[in-house]
N, C-alpha and C. Protein backbone atom coordinates (compact mmCIF):
# COMPACT_ATOMS: atom_id res chain seq x y z
N UNK A 1 88.70 117.73 164.77
CA UNK A 1 88.23 117.56 163.39
C UNK A 1 86.95 118.37 163.23
N UNK A 2 86.82 119.07 162.08
CA UNK A 2 85.62 119.87 161.84
C UNK A 2 84.43 119.01 161.51
N UNK A 3 83.28 119.61 161.57
CA UNK A 3 82.04 118.90 161.24
C UNK A 3 81.33 119.64 160.14
N UNK A 4 80.45 118.95 159.42
CA UNK A 4 79.69 119.57 158.35
C UNK A 4 78.54 118.69 157.96
N UNK A 5 77.80 119.18 157.00
CA UNK A 5 76.62 118.45 156.53
C UNK A 5 76.76 118.19 155.03
N UNK A 6 76.56 116.95 154.57
CA UNK A 6 76.58 116.59 153.16
C UNK A 6 75.16 116.24 152.74
N UNK A 7 74.71 116.89 151.70
CA UNK A 7 73.36 116.63 151.20
C UNK A 7 73.45 115.88 149.89
N UNK A 8 72.80 114.75 149.79
CA UNK A 8 72.79 113.93 148.57
C UNK A 8 71.41 113.95 147.95
N UNK A 9 71.35 114.30 146.65
CA UNK A 9 70.09 114.26 145.93
C UNK A 9 69.62 112.81 145.89
N UNK A 10 68.46 112.50 146.37
CA UNK A 10 68.00 111.11 146.42
C UNK A 10 67.86 110.47 145.04
N UNK A 11 67.80 111.26 143.96
CA UNK A 11 67.79 110.72 142.61
C UNK A 11 68.86 111.45 141.80
N UNK A 12 69.99 110.77 141.62
CA UNK A 12 71.13 111.36 140.92
C UNK A 12 71.23 110.79 139.51
N UNK A 13 71.44 111.67 138.50
CA UNK A 13 71.54 111.22 137.10
C UNK A 13 72.89 110.56 136.87
N UNK A 14 72.91 109.34 136.31
CA UNK A 14 74.13 108.63 135.98
C UNK A 14 74.54 108.92 134.54
N UNK A 15 75.78 108.62 134.24
CA UNK A 15 76.31 108.90 132.91
C UNK A 15 75.62 108.06 131.84
N UNK A 16 75.10 106.88 132.20
CA UNK A 16 74.46 106.02 131.20
C UNK A 16 72.99 106.37 130.97
N UNK A 17 72.54 107.42 131.59
CA UNK A 17 71.16 107.86 131.38
C UNK A 17 70.19 107.33 132.42
N UNK A 18 70.66 106.45 133.34
CA UNK A 18 69.78 105.94 134.39
C UNK A 18 69.83 106.87 135.59
N UNK A 19 68.91 106.69 136.52
CA UNK A 19 68.95 107.46 137.77
C UNK A 19 69.03 106.50 138.93
N UNK A 20 69.80 106.89 139.95
CA UNK A 20 69.95 106.04 141.14
C UNK A 20 69.19 106.67 142.30
N UNK A 21 68.29 105.91 142.88
CA UNK A 21 67.51 106.35 144.03
C UNK A 21 68.24 105.89 145.29
N UNK A 22 69.00 106.83 145.93
CA UNK A 22 69.78 106.45 147.11
C UNK A 22 68.89 106.13 148.31
N UNK A 23 67.70 106.71 148.33
CA UNK A 23 66.80 106.43 149.46
C UNK A 23 66.33 104.99 149.43
N UNK A 24 65.97 104.51 148.24
CA UNK A 24 65.45 103.16 148.12
C UNK A 24 66.55 102.14 147.83
N UNK A 25 67.76 102.65 147.46
CA UNK A 25 68.87 101.74 147.21
C UNK A 25 68.71 100.93 145.94
N UNK A 26 68.02 101.47 144.91
CA UNK A 26 67.83 100.73 143.68
C UNK A 26 68.08 101.66 142.50
N UNK A 27 68.29 101.09 141.34
CA UNK A 27 68.50 101.86 140.12
C UNK A 27 67.24 101.87 139.29
N UNK A 28 66.88 103.03 138.86
CA UNK A 28 65.72 103.18 138.00
C UNK A 28 66.24 103.53 136.61
N UNK A 29 66.08 102.64 135.65
CA UNK A 29 66.66 102.82 134.32
C UNK A 29 65.68 103.56 133.41
N UNK A 30 66.20 104.61 132.85
CA UNK A 30 65.39 105.36 131.88
C UNK A 30 66.28 105.70 130.69
N UNK A 31 66.68 104.64 129.95
CA UNK A 31 67.57 104.85 128.82
C UNK A 31 66.88 105.69 127.74
N UNK A 32 67.67 106.50 127.13
CA UNK A 32 67.20 107.28 126.00
C UNK A 32 67.82 106.68 124.74
N UNK A 33 67.08 106.68 123.65
CA UNK A 33 67.56 106.04 122.42
C UNK A 33 68.85 106.67 121.92
N UNK A 34 69.06 107.94 122.25
CA UNK A 34 70.29 108.59 121.76
C UNK A 34 71.52 108.15 122.53
N UNK A 35 71.34 107.48 123.65
CA UNK A 35 72.49 107.06 124.45
C UNK A 35 72.47 105.58 124.76
N UNK A 36 71.70 104.78 124.01
CA UNK A 36 71.69 103.35 124.31
C UNK A 36 72.97 102.69 123.83
N UNK A 37 73.12 101.41 124.17
CA UNK A 37 74.39 100.72 123.91
C UNK A 37 74.72 100.66 122.43
N UNK A 38 73.72 100.60 121.56
CA UNK A 38 73.98 100.48 120.13
C UNK A 38 74.46 101.80 119.53
N UNK A 39 73.76 102.88 119.83
CA UNK A 39 74.12 104.14 119.20
C UNK A 39 75.26 104.85 119.90
N UNK A 40 75.52 104.52 121.14
CA UNK A 40 76.62 105.15 121.85
C UNK A 40 77.93 104.90 121.14
N UNK A 41 78.11 103.68 120.59
CA UNK A 41 79.33 103.35 119.87
C UNK A 41 79.55 104.24 118.67
N UNK A 42 78.45 104.65 118.02
CA UNK A 42 78.58 105.52 116.86
C UNK A 42 79.15 106.86 117.26
N UNK A 43 78.72 107.36 118.41
CA UNK A 43 79.24 108.64 118.89
C UNK A 43 80.70 108.52 119.31
N UNK A 44 81.04 107.42 119.96
CA UNK A 44 82.41 107.25 120.44
C UNK A 44 83.40 107.12 119.28
N UNK A 45 82.96 106.57 118.13
CA UNK A 45 83.86 106.37 117.01
C UNK A 45 83.84 107.53 116.03
N UNK A 46 83.36 108.68 116.46
CA UNK A 46 83.26 109.81 115.55
C UNK A 46 84.62 110.37 115.15
N UNK A 47 85.72 109.87 115.78
CA UNK A 47 87.04 110.34 115.40
C UNK A 47 87.55 109.69 114.13
N UNK A 48 86.84 108.67 113.59
CA UNK A 48 87.28 108.01 112.36
C UNK A 48 86.92 108.87 111.16
N UNK A 49 87.74 109.87 110.87
CA UNK A 49 87.46 110.80 109.78
C UNK A 49 88.30 110.50 108.55
N UNK A 50 89.28 109.59 108.64
CA UNK A 50 90.11 109.25 107.49
C UNK A 50 89.34 108.36 106.53
N UNK A 51 89.66 108.48 105.26
CA UNK A 51 89.06 107.62 104.25
C UNK A 51 90.14 106.89 103.50
N UNK A 52 89.78 105.72 102.95
CA UNK A 52 90.72 104.91 102.17
C UNK A 52 90.00 104.47 100.91
N UNK A 53 90.54 104.91 99.76
CA UNK A 53 89.93 104.59 98.47
C UNK A 53 88.44 104.97 98.45
N UNK A 54 88.15 106.14 99.08
CA UNK A 54 86.78 106.64 99.07
C UNK A 54 85.88 106.06 100.14
N UNK A 55 86.40 105.19 101.01
CA UNK A 55 85.59 104.56 102.05
C UNK A 55 86.10 104.96 103.43
N UNK A 56 85.19 105.09 104.40
CA UNK A 56 85.57 105.43 105.77
C UNK A 56 85.26 104.28 106.70
N UNK A 57 85.84 104.32 107.89
CA UNK A 57 85.68 103.23 108.85
C UNK A 57 84.31 103.27 109.51
N UNK A 58 83.81 102.06 109.87
CA UNK A 58 82.59 102.00 110.67
C UNK A 58 82.98 102.08 112.15
N UNK A 59 82.02 101.84 113.06
CA UNK A 59 82.33 102.02 114.48
C UNK A 59 83.27 100.96 115.02
N UNK A 60 83.47 99.84 114.27
CA UNK A 60 84.46 98.84 114.65
C UNK A 60 85.82 99.11 114.02
N UNK A 61 85.97 100.29 113.36
CA UNK A 61 87.20 100.70 112.69
C UNK A 61 87.53 99.81 111.49
N UNK A 62 86.50 99.20 110.90
CA UNK A 62 86.69 98.36 109.72
C UNK A 62 86.43 99.18 108.46
N UNK A 63 87.35 99.08 107.49
CA UNK A 63 87.18 99.77 106.22
C UNK A 63 87.00 98.74 105.12
N UNK A 64 85.95 98.88 104.36
CA UNK A 64 85.74 98.03 103.19
C UNK A 64 85.91 98.89 101.96
N UNK A 65 86.98 98.60 101.17
CA UNK A 65 87.28 99.44 100.01
C UNK A 65 87.62 98.58 98.82
N UNK A 66 87.31 99.08 97.65
CA UNK A 66 87.64 98.39 96.41
C UNK A 66 88.83 99.11 95.77
N UNK A 67 89.87 98.33 95.44
CA UNK A 67 91.03 98.89 94.79
C UNK A 67 90.85 98.79 93.28
N UNK A 68 90.92 99.93 92.61
CA UNK A 68 90.72 99.95 91.17
C UNK A 68 91.97 100.47 90.49
N UNK A 69 92.12 100.17 89.21
CA UNK A 69 93.24 100.70 88.46
C UNK A 69 94.55 100.02 88.77
N UNK A 70 94.53 98.76 89.25
CA UNK A 70 95.76 98.06 89.59
C UNK A 70 95.95 96.80 88.74
N UNK A 71 95.48 96.85 87.51
CA UNK A 71 95.71 95.73 86.60
C UNK A 71 97.20 95.63 86.30
N UNK A 72 97.71 94.41 86.15
CA UNK A 72 99.15 94.22 86.01
C UNK A 72 99.52 93.26 84.89
N UNK A 73 100.77 93.42 84.45
CA UNK A 73 101.45 92.42 83.64
C UNK A 73 102.66 91.96 84.44
N UNK A 74 102.86 90.67 84.50
CA UNK A 74 104.01 90.14 85.24
C UNK A 74 104.61 88.98 84.44
N UNK A 75 105.88 89.16 84.07
CA UNK A 75 106.63 88.10 83.39
C UNK A 75 107.85 87.77 84.25
N UNK A 76 107.99 86.51 84.60
CA UNK A 76 109.09 86.08 85.46
C UNK A 76 108.60 85.62 86.81
N UNK A 77 108.58 84.31 87.02
CA UNK A 77 108.08 83.77 88.29
C UNK A 77 109.05 82.76 88.90
N UNK A 78 110.33 82.84 88.49
CA UNK A 78 111.34 82.00 89.12
C UNK A 78 111.51 80.62 88.52
N UNK A 79 110.91 80.37 87.37
CA UNK A 79 111.04 79.06 86.74
C UNK A 79 112.41 78.88 86.10
N UNK A 80 112.79 77.65 85.88
CA UNK A 80 114.13 77.35 85.34
C UNK A 80 114.07 76.98 83.86
N UNK A 81 114.85 77.71 83.07
CA UNK A 81 115.04 77.38 81.66
C UNK A 81 116.33 78.06 81.21
N UNK A 82 117.12 77.39 80.43
CA UNK A 82 118.41 77.93 80.01
C UNK A 82 118.23 79.14 79.09
N UNK A 83 119.03 80.17 79.30
CA UNK A 83 118.92 81.39 78.49
C UNK A 83 119.24 81.11 77.03
N UNK A 84 119.99 80.07 76.76
CA UNK A 84 120.31 79.71 75.38
C UNK A 84 119.04 79.33 74.60
N UNK A 85 117.95 79.02 75.30
CA UNK A 85 116.69 78.70 74.63
C UNK A 85 115.90 79.94 74.23
N UNK A 86 116.37 81.11 74.63
CA UNK A 86 115.65 82.35 74.34
C UNK A 86 115.83 82.83 72.91
N UNK A 87 116.87 82.37 72.26
CA UNK A 87 117.20 82.86 70.93
C UNK A 87 118.22 83.98 70.95
N UNK A 88 118.62 84.43 72.14
CA UNK A 88 119.62 85.50 72.25
C UNK A 88 121.00 84.98 71.85
N UNK A 89 121.80 85.85 71.24
CA UNK A 89 123.16 85.49 70.84
C UNK A 89 124.21 86.29 71.60
N UNK A 90 123.78 87.34 72.31
CA UNK A 90 124.70 88.17 73.08
C UNK A 90 123.93 88.84 74.21
N UNK A 91 124.66 89.42 75.16
CA UNK A 91 124.05 90.17 76.26
C UNK A 91 124.42 91.66 76.23
N UNK A 92 125.15 92.08 75.22
CA UNK A 92 125.62 93.46 75.12
C UNK A 92 125.01 94.14 73.90
N UNK A 93 124.50 95.35 74.12
CA UNK A 93 123.89 96.15 73.05
C UNK A 93 122.80 95.35 72.33
N UNK A 94 121.87 94.83 73.11
CA UNK A 94 120.85 93.94 72.55
C UNK A 94 119.58 93.96 73.38
N UNK A 95 118.51 93.43 72.82
CA UNK A 95 117.26 93.24 73.56
C UNK A 95 117.40 92.03 74.47
N UNK A 96 116.88 92.15 75.70
CA UNK A 96 116.96 91.08 76.68
C UNK A 96 115.63 90.34 76.79
N UNK A 97 115.68 89.10 77.28
CA UNK A 97 114.51 88.24 77.32
C UNK A 97 114.15 87.84 78.76
N UNK A 98 112.84 87.58 78.94
CA UNK A 98 112.31 87.14 80.23
C UNK A 98 111.58 85.82 80.02
N UNK A 99 111.67 84.95 81.04
CA UNK A 99 111.03 83.64 80.91
C UNK A 99 109.84 83.50 81.85
N UNK A 100 108.75 82.98 81.31
CA UNK A 100 107.58 82.65 82.13
C UNK A 100 106.69 81.73 81.30
N UNK A 101 106.41 80.53 81.82
CA UNK A 101 105.57 79.60 81.08
C UNK A 101 104.10 80.01 81.09
N UNK A 102 103.72 80.88 82.05
CA UNK A 102 102.34 81.35 82.13
C UNK A 102 102.31 82.78 82.66
N UNK A 103 102.72 83.76 81.86
CA UNK A 103 102.78 85.14 82.34
C UNK A 103 101.40 85.70 82.65
N UNK A 104 101.38 86.67 83.56
CA UNK A 104 100.13 87.34 83.94
C UNK A 104 99.91 88.55 83.04
N UNK A 105 98.72 88.67 82.48
CA UNK A 105 98.37 89.84 81.68
C UNK A 105 96.92 90.24 81.98
N UNK A 106 96.76 91.24 82.85
CA UNK A 106 95.43 91.73 83.24
C UNK A 106 95.06 93.03 82.53
N UNK A 107 95.94 93.57 81.70
CA UNK A 107 95.71 94.86 81.07
C UNK A 107 95.03 94.65 79.72
N UNK A 108 93.81 95.12 79.62
CA UNK A 108 93.03 94.96 78.38
C UNK A 108 93.72 95.67 77.22
N UNK A 109 93.90 94.96 76.12
CA UNK A 109 94.51 95.54 74.93
C UNK A 109 96.02 95.41 74.87
N UNK A 110 96.64 94.89 75.94
CA UNK A 110 98.10 94.69 75.95
C UNK A 110 98.45 93.35 75.33
N UNK A 111 99.61 93.28 74.66
CA UNK A 111 100.07 92.03 74.06
C UNK A 111 101.52 91.77 74.45
N UNK A 112 101.86 90.50 74.62
CA UNK A 112 103.22 90.09 74.95
C UNK A 112 103.81 89.40 73.73
N UNK A 113 105.05 89.75 73.40
CA UNK A 113 105.71 89.15 72.23
C UNK A 113 106.78 88.18 72.68
N UNK A 114 106.67 86.92 72.24
CA UNK A 114 107.65 85.92 72.60
C UNK A 114 107.26 84.55 72.09
N UNK A 115 108.08 83.57 72.40
CA UNK A 115 107.79 82.19 72.02
C UNK A 115 108.51 81.26 72.97
N UNK A 116 107.95 80.07 73.14
CA UNK A 116 108.53 79.03 74.00
C UNK A 116 108.78 79.53 75.42
N UNK A 117 107.94 80.45 75.89
CA UNK A 117 108.06 80.96 77.26
C UNK A 117 109.02 82.13 77.41
N UNK A 118 109.76 82.50 76.36
CA UNK A 118 110.70 83.62 76.41
C UNK A 118 110.09 84.85 75.74
N UNK A 119 110.06 85.98 76.46
CA UNK A 119 109.40 87.19 75.97
C UNK A 119 110.40 88.33 75.84
N UNK A 120 110.25 89.09 74.73
CA UNK A 120 111.19 90.17 74.43
C UNK A 120 110.58 91.56 74.53
N UNK A 121 109.25 91.68 74.46
CA UNK A 121 108.63 93.01 74.50
C UNK A 121 107.17 92.93 74.92
N UNK A 122 106.65 94.10 75.30
CA UNK A 122 105.23 94.24 75.68
C UNK A 122 104.69 95.46 74.97
N UNK A 123 103.53 95.34 74.35
CA UNK A 123 102.86 96.46 73.71
C UNK A 123 101.67 96.88 74.56
N UNK A 124 101.64 98.16 74.95
CA UNK A 124 100.61 98.68 75.84
C UNK A 124 99.70 99.65 75.10
N UNK A 125 98.39 99.63 75.42
CA UNK A 125 97.48 100.64 74.86
C UNK A 125 97.68 101.98 75.56
N UNK A 126 97.02 103.02 75.05
CA UNK A 126 97.12 104.34 75.68
C UNK A 126 96.75 104.26 77.15
N UNK A 127 97.48 105.00 77.98
CA UNK A 127 97.20 104.99 79.41
C UNK A 127 98.42 105.37 80.22
N UNK A 128 98.29 105.23 81.53
CA UNK A 128 99.37 105.56 82.47
C UNK A 128 99.84 104.26 83.13
N UNK A 129 101.16 104.10 83.21
CA UNK A 129 101.73 102.85 83.71
C UNK A 129 102.99 103.11 84.53
N UNK A 130 103.29 102.15 85.40
CA UNK A 130 104.57 102.09 86.10
C UNK A 130 105.25 100.79 85.70
N UNK A 131 106.46 100.89 85.18
CA UNK A 131 107.22 99.72 84.72
C UNK A 131 108.42 99.51 85.65
N UNK A 132 108.61 98.27 86.10
CA UNK A 132 109.75 97.92 86.94
C UNK A 132 110.37 96.63 86.41
N UNK A 133 111.69 96.63 86.31
CA UNK A 133 112.38 95.49 85.72
C UNK A 133 113.61 95.13 86.55
N UNK A 134 113.76 93.82 86.79
CA UNK A 134 114.97 93.30 87.42
C UNK A 134 115.63 92.30 86.49
N UNK A 135 116.96 92.24 86.52
CA UNK A 135 117.68 91.32 85.64
C UNK A 135 118.97 90.89 86.34
N UNK A 136 119.43 89.70 86.01
CA UNK A 136 120.66 89.20 86.62
C UNK A 136 121.41 88.36 85.60
N UNK A 137 122.73 88.34 85.69
CA UNK A 137 123.57 87.58 84.75
C UNK A 137 124.73 86.93 85.49
N UNK A 138 125.38 86.02 84.80
CA UNK A 138 126.60 85.40 85.31
C UNK A 138 127.83 86.11 84.73
N UNK A 139 128.83 86.35 85.61
CA UNK A 139 130.09 86.97 85.20
C UNK A 139 131.21 85.93 85.22
N UNK A 140 132.27 86.20 84.47
CA UNK A 140 133.45 85.35 84.55
C UNK A 140 134.44 85.87 85.58
N UNK A 141 134.32 87.15 85.92
CA UNK A 141 135.17 87.81 86.91
C UNK A 141 134.45 89.08 87.35
N UNK A 142 135.09 89.87 88.20
CA UNK A 142 134.47 91.12 88.63
C UNK A 142 134.14 91.98 87.41
N UNK A 143 132.89 92.39 87.29
CA UNK A 143 132.48 93.16 86.12
C UNK A 143 131.22 93.95 86.39
N UNK A 144 130.62 94.45 85.32
CA UNK A 144 129.39 95.23 85.46
C UNK A 144 128.48 94.97 84.28
N UNK A 145 127.17 95.14 84.55
CA UNK A 145 126.15 94.93 83.52
C UNK A 145 125.05 95.96 83.74
N UNK A 146 124.69 96.67 82.68
CA UNK A 146 123.66 97.71 82.76
C UNK A 146 122.48 97.34 81.87
N UNK A 147 121.30 97.83 82.23
CA UNK A 147 120.11 97.61 81.41
C UNK A 147 119.12 98.74 81.64
N UNK A 148 118.28 98.99 80.61
CA UNK A 148 117.34 100.10 80.67
C UNK A 148 116.13 99.82 79.79
N UNK A 149 115.00 100.41 80.20
CA UNK A 149 113.75 100.25 79.46
C UNK A 149 113.78 101.13 78.22
N UNK A 150 113.29 100.58 77.11
CA UNK A 150 113.24 101.33 75.85
C UNK A 150 111.80 101.46 75.36
N UNK A 151 111.50 102.65 74.85
CA UNK A 151 110.25 102.94 74.18
C UNK A 151 110.57 102.98 72.69
N UNK A 152 110.42 101.84 72.02
CA UNK A 152 110.90 101.75 70.65
C UNK A 152 112.41 101.79 70.63
N UNK A 153 112.98 102.88 70.08
CA UNK A 153 114.43 103.03 70.02
C UNK A 153 114.97 104.02 71.04
N UNK A 154 114.10 104.58 71.88
CA UNK A 154 114.51 105.60 72.85
C UNK A 154 114.48 105.04 74.26
N UNK A 155 115.54 105.28 75.03
CA UNK A 155 115.56 104.82 76.41
C UNK A 155 114.75 105.75 77.29
N UNK A 156 114.12 105.18 78.30
CA UNK A 156 113.29 105.96 79.23
C UNK A 156 113.56 105.50 80.65
N UNK A 157 113.20 106.33 81.62
CA UNK A 157 113.30 105.95 83.02
C UNK A 157 114.73 105.88 83.53
N UNK A 158 114.93 105.13 84.59
CA UNK A 158 116.23 105.04 85.25
C UNK A 158 117.02 103.84 84.75
N UNK A 159 118.32 104.05 84.56
CA UNK A 159 119.21 102.95 84.18
C UNK A 159 119.54 102.12 85.42
N UNK A 160 119.58 100.82 85.25
CA UNK A 160 119.96 99.92 86.35
C UNK A 160 121.32 99.31 86.05
N UNK A 161 122.07 99.04 87.11
CA UNK A 161 123.40 98.43 86.95
C UNK A 161 123.63 97.40 88.06
N UNK A 162 124.26 96.31 87.69
CA UNK A 162 124.63 95.29 88.66
C UNK A 162 126.08 94.90 88.43
N UNK A 163 126.70 94.30 89.43
CA UNK A 163 128.09 93.87 89.30
C UNK A 163 128.98 94.52 90.34
N UNK A 164 130.24 94.14 90.34
CA UNK A 164 131.20 94.64 91.33
C UNK A 164 131.95 95.88 90.89
N UNK A 165 131.92 96.20 89.59
CA UNK A 165 132.66 97.37 89.10
C UNK A 165 131.75 98.19 88.20
N UNK A 166 130.91 99.00 88.83
CA UNK A 166 129.94 99.79 88.08
C UNK A 166 130.65 100.85 87.25
N UNK A 167 130.15 101.03 86.03
CA UNK A 167 130.81 101.89 85.06
C UNK A 167 130.50 103.36 85.24
N UNK A 168 129.24 103.68 85.53
CA UNK A 168 128.81 105.07 85.53
C UNK A 168 128.84 105.62 86.95
N UNK A 169 130.00 106.03 87.39
CA UNK A 169 130.19 106.41 88.80
C UNK A 169 129.46 107.70 89.15
N UNK A 170 129.12 108.52 88.16
CA UNK A 170 128.43 109.78 88.44
C UNK A 170 126.92 109.63 88.42
N UNK A 171 126.41 108.45 88.08
CA UNK A 171 124.98 108.22 88.02
C UNK A 171 124.52 107.35 89.19
N UNK A 172 123.25 107.49 89.52
CA UNK A 172 122.69 106.54 90.47
C UNK A 172 122.67 105.17 89.83
N UNK A 173 122.88 104.14 90.61
CA UNK A 173 122.96 102.79 90.05
C UNK A 173 122.08 101.82 90.83
N UNK A 174 120.77 101.99 90.70
CA UNK A 174 119.88 101.04 91.38
C UNK A 174 119.92 99.68 90.71
N UNK A 175 119.48 98.66 91.40
CA UNK A 175 119.46 97.33 90.83
C UNK A 175 118.24 97.06 89.97
N UNK A 176 117.27 97.99 89.97
CA UNK A 176 116.06 97.85 89.17
C UNK A 176 115.95 99.00 88.18
N UNK A 177 115.51 98.71 86.98
CA UNK A 177 115.18 99.76 86.01
C UNK A 177 113.69 100.07 86.17
N UNK A 178 113.33 101.35 86.11
CA UNK A 178 111.93 101.70 86.31
C UNK A 178 111.58 102.94 85.50
N UNK A 179 110.28 103.08 85.22
CA UNK A 179 109.79 104.24 84.48
C UNK A 179 108.31 104.43 84.78
N UNK A 180 107.90 105.69 84.93
CA UNK A 180 106.49 106.06 85.05
C UNK A 180 106.12 106.75 83.74
N UNK A 181 105.11 106.23 83.04
CA UNK A 181 104.84 106.71 81.70
C UNK A 181 103.36 107.05 81.53
N UNK A 182 103.09 107.94 80.59
CA UNK A 182 101.74 108.31 80.20
C UNK A 182 101.74 108.36 78.67
N UNK A 183 101.16 107.36 78.02
CA UNK A 183 101.22 107.27 76.57
C UNK A 183 99.83 107.50 75.97
N UNK A 184 99.81 108.16 74.81
CA UNK A 184 98.55 108.52 74.16
C UNK A 184 98.14 107.54 73.08
N UNK A 185 99.01 106.60 72.75
CA UNK A 185 98.69 105.60 71.73
C UNK A 185 99.45 104.31 72.02
N UNK A 186 99.11 103.25 71.32
CA UNK A 186 99.75 101.95 71.53
C UNK A 186 101.26 102.05 71.33
N UNK A 187 102.02 101.52 72.31
CA UNK A 187 103.48 101.65 72.30
C UNK A 187 104.12 100.36 72.76
N UNK A 188 105.24 100.00 72.14
CA UNK A 188 105.96 98.77 72.49
C UNK A 188 107.17 99.10 73.34
N UNK A 189 107.33 98.33 74.43
CA UNK A 189 108.44 98.52 75.36
C UNK A 189 109.27 97.24 75.45
N UNK A 190 110.57 97.43 75.64
CA UNK A 190 111.47 96.29 75.80
C UNK A 190 112.58 96.68 76.75
N UNK A 191 113.41 95.71 77.10
CA UNK A 191 114.58 95.96 77.94
C UNK A 191 115.82 95.70 77.11
N UNK A 192 116.75 96.65 77.14
CA UNK A 192 117.98 96.52 76.36
C UNK A 192 119.20 96.77 77.24
N UNK A 193 120.31 96.19 76.84
CA UNK A 193 121.58 96.45 77.50
C UNK A 193 122.44 97.31 76.58
N UNK A 194 123.24 98.22 77.13
CA UNK A 194 124.10 99.08 76.31
C UNK A 194 125.45 98.41 76.04
N UNK A 195 126.31 99.12 75.36
CA UNK A 195 127.70 98.68 75.24
C UNK A 195 128.42 99.00 76.54
N UNK A 196 129.61 98.46 76.71
CA UNK A 196 130.40 98.78 77.90
C UNK A 196 130.29 97.78 79.03
N UNK A 197 129.47 96.73 78.88
CA UNK A 197 129.40 95.69 79.90
C UNK A 197 130.72 94.92 79.93
N UNK A 198 131.09 94.42 81.08
CA UNK A 198 132.41 93.76 81.19
C UNK A 198 132.29 92.40 81.86
N UNK A 199 133.13 91.49 81.38
CA UNK A 199 133.30 90.14 81.98
C UNK A 199 132.00 89.35 82.09
N UNK A 200 131.16 89.46 81.08
CA UNK A 200 129.94 88.65 81.05
C UNK A 200 130.27 87.24 80.57
N UNK A 201 129.66 86.26 81.20
CA UNK A 201 129.84 84.89 80.73
C UNK A 201 129.05 84.70 79.44
N UNK A 202 129.32 83.63 78.74
CA UNK A 202 128.68 83.36 77.46
C UNK A 202 127.19 83.04 77.64
N UNK A 203 126.45 83.11 76.53
CA UNK A 203 125.04 82.75 76.57
C UNK A 203 124.87 81.32 77.07
N UNK A 204 125.70 80.41 76.57
CA UNK A 204 125.59 79.00 76.97
C UNK A 204 125.84 78.81 78.46
N UNK A 205 126.74 79.62 79.03
CA UNK A 205 127.08 79.48 80.45
C UNK A 205 126.18 80.28 81.39
N UNK A 206 125.22 81.00 80.85
CA UNK A 206 124.28 81.71 81.71
C UNK A 206 123.33 80.74 82.41
N UNK A 207 123.14 79.57 81.82
CA UNK A 207 122.28 78.56 82.43
C UNK A 207 120.89 79.10 82.69
N UNK A 208 120.33 78.80 83.87
CA UNK A 208 118.97 79.23 84.21
C UNK A 208 118.94 80.46 85.11
N UNK A 209 120.08 81.11 85.30
CA UNK A 209 120.14 82.29 86.19
C UNK A 209 119.14 83.36 85.78
N UNK A 210 119.10 83.68 84.50
CA UNK A 210 118.22 84.77 84.03
C UNK A 210 116.75 84.38 84.15
N UNK A 211 116.41 83.16 83.78
CA UNK A 211 115.00 82.75 83.86
C UNK A 211 114.50 82.75 85.31
N UNK A 212 115.37 82.43 86.24
CA UNK A 212 114.98 82.34 87.64
C UNK A 212 114.93 83.69 88.34
N UNK A 213 115.72 84.67 87.86
CA UNK A 213 115.86 85.92 88.61
C UNK A 213 115.32 87.15 87.90
N UNK A 214 115.24 87.14 86.58
CA UNK A 214 114.78 88.33 85.85
C UNK A 214 113.26 88.41 85.89
N UNK A 215 112.73 89.63 85.93
CA UNK A 215 111.28 89.83 85.90
C UNK A 215 110.93 91.19 85.29
N UNK A 216 109.73 91.24 84.73
CA UNK A 216 109.17 92.48 84.19
C UNK A 216 107.80 92.66 84.82
N UNK A 217 107.57 93.82 85.45
CA UNK A 217 106.31 94.12 86.11
C UNK A 217 105.77 95.44 85.60
N UNK A 218 104.53 95.45 85.13
CA UNK A 218 103.88 96.66 84.65
C UNK A 218 102.55 96.82 85.37
N UNK A 219 102.31 97.99 85.96
CA UNK A 219 101.08 98.27 86.67
C UNK A 219 100.33 99.40 85.98
N UNK A 220 99.07 99.17 85.67
CA UNK A 220 98.22 100.20 85.06
C UNK A 220 97.71 101.11 86.16
N UNK A 221 97.85 102.41 85.97
CA UNK A 221 97.45 103.39 86.98
C UNK A 221 96.27 104.18 86.42
N UNK A 222 95.12 104.11 87.08
CA UNK A 222 93.93 104.78 86.56
C UNK A 222 93.95 106.25 86.98
């Protein structure tokens, strides 16, 4: 086996800023403020460059952010009431109703039109919004039911269809109607069904299905 000589500096600099005296067998601490336990964490977390809603993470990777522009309208919370109480006389080629005994309205200047907990339309002030609507009905047999959001007398957004025999085979048929809108003045929106629906049960036989399952959600986007 070969031989050699190893020389050790009697005072070697450690990574934490202290020095170790091998001759005396003790550690001599000479911390520098730029590398102490408190500020070292700030350097180690310098990879947190992402921001969320204008805020970035601290050294514990915690982000504190305020969400703005998310005021909402929500009608439909699963309560039970017979659709015959809405005042509707048909489900085809007509305005549809939503039930909520205490609807949410956080959008300043917006109004909900209805009575006895049944609502037929929402009027929104100028602004940008996302509208999403779900609806459900009772059938007497295999059939289909379509609905779409209307801006006054004009339909907007995507048509929704439910049932076992969808009519518009060349169109997408999601179960929710939705629209992203940007309006410059006060506008009234409602949900309507077209002609062509099949095998719908009567208003009296709809029971509480619609009140429990239908909903209208509007989000204000700043």
